[in-house]
Amino acid sequence: MSRSRRAPSSPPSRCTSRATPTVFYNNEEIALQPYGSGATGVTAVAVRDDFIIVRFKNSPRDTYVYDREKPGSEHLERMKWIIRKGSGLTTYINRNVHDYAERLSEPR
């Protein structure tokens, strides 16, 4: 008796056309880059010389600007280094950063 073998079905396509999220800050539209593996509290970031923008996973309203004044140059440079490294930003912010320059509002 012959058994026919079926090839395993392929998973559904995960091709999505999601646009890169952006925020407006200082009259500029800034693209956010994905950050982390999805298991982290931070989902996207933008890095500039004088500031960074961090979006947390809870909602787009949880998007914050950190700059040289708040929380200060030392924390800003450390966060930029962590972003380049690719992990640890949520932990660093939770343990060490207690202030931010601005909370960005959700786009309308």
Foldseek 3Di string as FASTA:
>chain_A
DDDDDDDDDDDDDPDDDDDFDWAADPNDTGGWDAADDVPDQWGTKDDDPFWMWTAGDPDNQRIFIAGCVAVHDVLRVVLVVCRVVRDDNRVCCVVPGDTTDDGGGDDD
